[in-house]
Amino acid sequence: MIALDDDKARLDIARIHGWLASSYWSPGIERSLVERAIAGSHALGAYRDGTQVGFARAITDHATFAWIADVWIDESARGQGLGRRMVRWFVDHPAFADIRRFGLVTADAHGVYAALGFHALLRPERYMERLTPDAAARLRAAP
């Protein structure tokens, strides 16, 4: 059985850093940046027999908006619905009950999140972003 826990003291930061540094969205990310991101977020770990096998976090004001980020499932636990379960944990958690907008970005898991009510932007023309030159270059180069 895989247990979910939002106790930051349980997080395996070295493992999370390794996962995120190998991801398509934050390749080579520095450990200190991962630590800062976790410190400023509501983090969630997934554990099997005491070993961390998943991670996700929400950046939120706990009132109106939450951004789901860095959903990662270890290869040993993939294909079991754990990513969806972790995102559902945030969506269904009482601390997030009044959140009227959850956001996230994915390149390849649209079906996972659609099952939880996520969909393409209703008014994409209203959304804007500001990227560092490095982030913009990575996005332009990505397939």
Protein backbone atom coordinates (compact mmCIF):
# COMPACT_ATOMS: atom_id res chain seq x y z
CA MET A 1 0.00 0.00 0.00
CA ILE A 2 1.17 3.52 -0.78
CA ALA A 3 0.48 6.20 1.84
CA LEU A 4 0.23 9.93 1.15
CA ASP A 5 1.60 12.41 3.69
CA ASP A 6 2.12 16.18 3.59
CA ASP A 7 4.66 16.22 6.43
CA LYS A 8 7.65 18.03 4.90
CA ALA A 9 9.97 16.40 7.45
CA ARG A 10 9.41 13.03 5.73
CA LEU A 11 10.39 14.23 2.26
CA ASP A 12 13.51 12.68 0.75
CA ILE A 13 14.94 15.90 -0.71
CA ALA A 14 17.86 14.13 -2.40
CA ARG A 15 15.49 11.76 -4.17
CA ILE A 16 13.10 14.56 -5.17
CA HIS A 17 16.00 16.59 -6.50
CA GLY A 18 17.16 13.64 -8.60
CA TRP A 19 13.68 13.16 -10.04
CA LEU A 20 13.16 16.82 -10.88
CA ALA A 21 16.67 17.28 -12.28
CA SER A 22 15.89 14.49 -14.75
CA SER A 23 12.45 15.83 -15.72
CA TYR A 24 11.57 17.56 -18.98
CA TRP A 25 10.29 20.64 -17.13
CA SER A 26 13.30 21.33 -14.89
CA PRO A 27 16.33 19.52 -16.32
CA GLY A 28 19.43 20.03 -14.22
CA ILE A 29 17.63 22.06 -11.55
CA GLU A 30 19.85 22.91 -8.59
CA ARG A 31 19.11 21.26 -5.27
CA SER A 32 18.95 24.63 -3.51
CA LEU A 33 16.17 25.71 -5.88
CA VAL A 34 14.24 22.49 -5.19
CA GLU A 35 14.59 23.14 -1.46
CA ARG A 36 13.29 26.72 -1.85
CA ALA A 37 10.37 25.53 -4.00
CA ILE A 38 9.37 22.96 -1.40
CA ALA A 39 9.71 25.47 1.44
CA GLY A 40 7.26 27.82 -0.30
CA SER A 41 4.73 25.15 -1.24
CA HIS A 42 2.29 22.67 0.22
CA ALA A 43 4.25 19.49 -0.52
CA LEU A 44 2.95 15.94 -0.66
CA GLY A 45 4.93 12.72 -0.56
CA ALA A 46 3.88 9.18 -1.45
CA TYR A 47 5.51 6.37 0.51
CA ARG A 48 5.69 2.61 0.12
CA ASP A 49 7.22 0.78 3.08
CA GLY A 50 8.83 4.01 4.24
CA THR A 51 10.48 4.78 0.89
CA GLN A 52 9.33 7.81 -1.05
CA VAL A 53 7.89 6.83 -4.44
CA GLY A 54 6.05 10.03 -5.39
CA PHE A 55 6.01 13.78 -4.99
CA ALA A 56 3.73 16.68 -5.86
CA ARG A 57 3.29 20.20 -4.58
CA ALA A 58 0.77 23.01 -4.68
CA ILE A 59 1.66 26.68 -4.76
CA THR A 60 -1.33 28.45 -3.28
CA ASP A 61 -2.77 31.37 -1.35
CA HIS A 62 -5.12 28.85 0.34
CA ALA A 63 -8.05 31.10 -0.60
CA THR A 64 -8.62 31.42 -4.34
CA PHE A 65 -5.91 29.78 -6.42
CA ALA A 66 -3.60 26.74 -6.41
CA TRP A 67 -1.00 25.70 -8.94
CA ILE A 68 -0.13 21.99 -8.98
CA ALA A 69 3.51 21.37 -9.86
CA ASP A 70 6.26 18.78 -9.95
CA VAL A 71 4.06 15.69 -9.94
CA TRP A 72 6.55 12.83 -10.12
CA ILE A 73 6.06 9.12 -9.65
CA ASP A 74 9.04 6.78 -9.33
CA GLU A 75 9.21 4.21 -12.11
CA SER A 76 8.57 1.44 -9.58
CA ALA A 77 5.14 2.93 -8.79
CA ARG A 78 3.98 4.13 -12.21
CA GLY A 79 0.87 2.84 -13.90
CA GLN A 80 -1.06 2.45 -10.64
CA GLY A 81 -2.95 5.77 -10.66
CA LEU A 82 -0.70 7.37 -8.07
CA GLY A 83 -0.22 10.65 -9.99
CA ARG A 84 -3.97 11.10 -10.24
CA ARG A 85 -4.38 10.09 -6.61
CA MET A 86 -1.86 12.72 -5.49
CA VAL A 87 -3.52 15.51 -7.46
CA ARG A 88 -6.93 14.37 -6.18
CA TRP A 89 -5.52 14.66 -2.64
CA PHE A 90 -5.09 18.41 -3.21
CA VAL A 91 -8.40 18.89 -5.01
CA ASP A 92 -10.35 17.05 -2.30
CA HIS A 93 -8.41 18.21 0.77
CA PRO A 94 -10.43 20.39 3.21
CA ALA A 95 -7.64 23.00 3.26
CA PHE A 96 -8.29 23.56 -0.46
CA ALA A 97 -12.11 23.38 -0.32
CA ASP A 98 -12.69 27.03 -1.26
CA ILE A 99 -10.11 27.16 -4.04
CA ARG A 100 -11.98 28.20 -7.18
CA ARG A 101 -9.14 27.71 -9.66
CA PHE A 102 -6.53 24.97 -9.82
CA GLY A 103 -3.95 25.17 -12.58
CA LEU A 104 -1.23 22.91 -13.90
CA VAL A 105 0.85 22.32 -17.00
CA THR A 106 1.58 18.95 -18.58
CA ALA A 107 3.10 17.74 -21.81
CA ASP A 108 1.88 14.18 -21.67
CA ALA A 109 -0.66 13.48 -18.91
CA HIS A 110 -3.77 15.31 -20.08
CA GLY A 111 -5.95 12.23 -19.64
CA VAL A 112 -4.74 11.72 -16.07
CA TYR A 113 -5.84 15.21 -15.08
CA ALA A 114 -8.96 15.39 -17.27
CA ALA A 115 -10.41 12.61 -15.12
CA LEU A 116 -10.17 15.06 -12.19
CA GLY A 117 -11.98 17.86 -14.01
CA PHE A 118 -8.97 19.68 -15.49
CA HIS A 119 -9.40 21.01 -19.03
CA ALA A 120 -7.79 23.37 -21.52
CA LEU A 121 -8.02 27.06 -20.67
CA LEU A 122 -11.48 28.48 -21.34
CA ARG A 123 -10.04 31.90 -22.18
CA PRO A 124 -6.39 31.42 -23.14
CA GLU A 125 -6.25 34.93 -24.58
CA ARG A 126 -6.41 36.30 -21.03
CA TYR A 127 -3.42 34.37 -19.74
CA MET A 128 0.07 35.75 -19.93
CA GLU A 129 3.43 34.68 -18.61
CA ARG A 130 6.84 36.20 -18.09
CA LEU A 131 9.81 33.90 -18.62
CA THR A 132 13.50 34.30 -18.00
CA PRO A 133 15.55 34.18 -21.23
CA ASP A 134 16.79 30.69 -20.30
CA ALA A 135 13.28 29.37 -19.68
CA ALA A 136 12.03 30.90 -22.94
CA ALA A 137 14.92 29.33 -24.86
CA ARG A 138 14.21 25.90 -23.34
CA LEU A 139 10.54 26.12 -24.23
CA ARG A 140 11.27 27.21 -27.78
CA ALA A 141 13.70 24.32 -28.22
CA ALA A 142 11.37 21.68 -26.75
CA PRO A 143 9.37 19.50 -29.14
